[in-house]
């Protein structure tokens, strides 16, 4: 991932994670995320959930292919941009990489001082990052 793409991901606060459901349909969910080296991480936190087993976790367990879309919208369309990351996800529930991911998320989102962050962590190994903006360099 080039420096401009990484900088955009560092600035945006929320993205949409797409996983593949059992029937092959896309399943989309908004997530917060952080970079951990050359990978992206997000986690299941303690905010109330409707279901005990989240669809994104079940989907990744069955098919690890994911896409994360981060974008900036502005009424001034010359400022629009998006970054789409395609990759392979893995689930972590303990160990050094798990702890490092939680630290990256806590450092980026001060809300995690008061919201429980226990995981699992979704780690995305980036295979391709695609970007668009109306003013390419």
Foldseek 3Di string as FASTA:
>chain_A
DDPVLLVLLLPFAKKWKWFAAPVRDTDIDIFGWFDDDQKIKTWDWQDDDPDPDDRVVVRLVVPQWMKIKTWDDDPPQQPTKIKIFIFGKDWDQDDDVQVSRVVRVCVSDVVCVPIGTRGRMIMGNTPDMDMDGPDDD
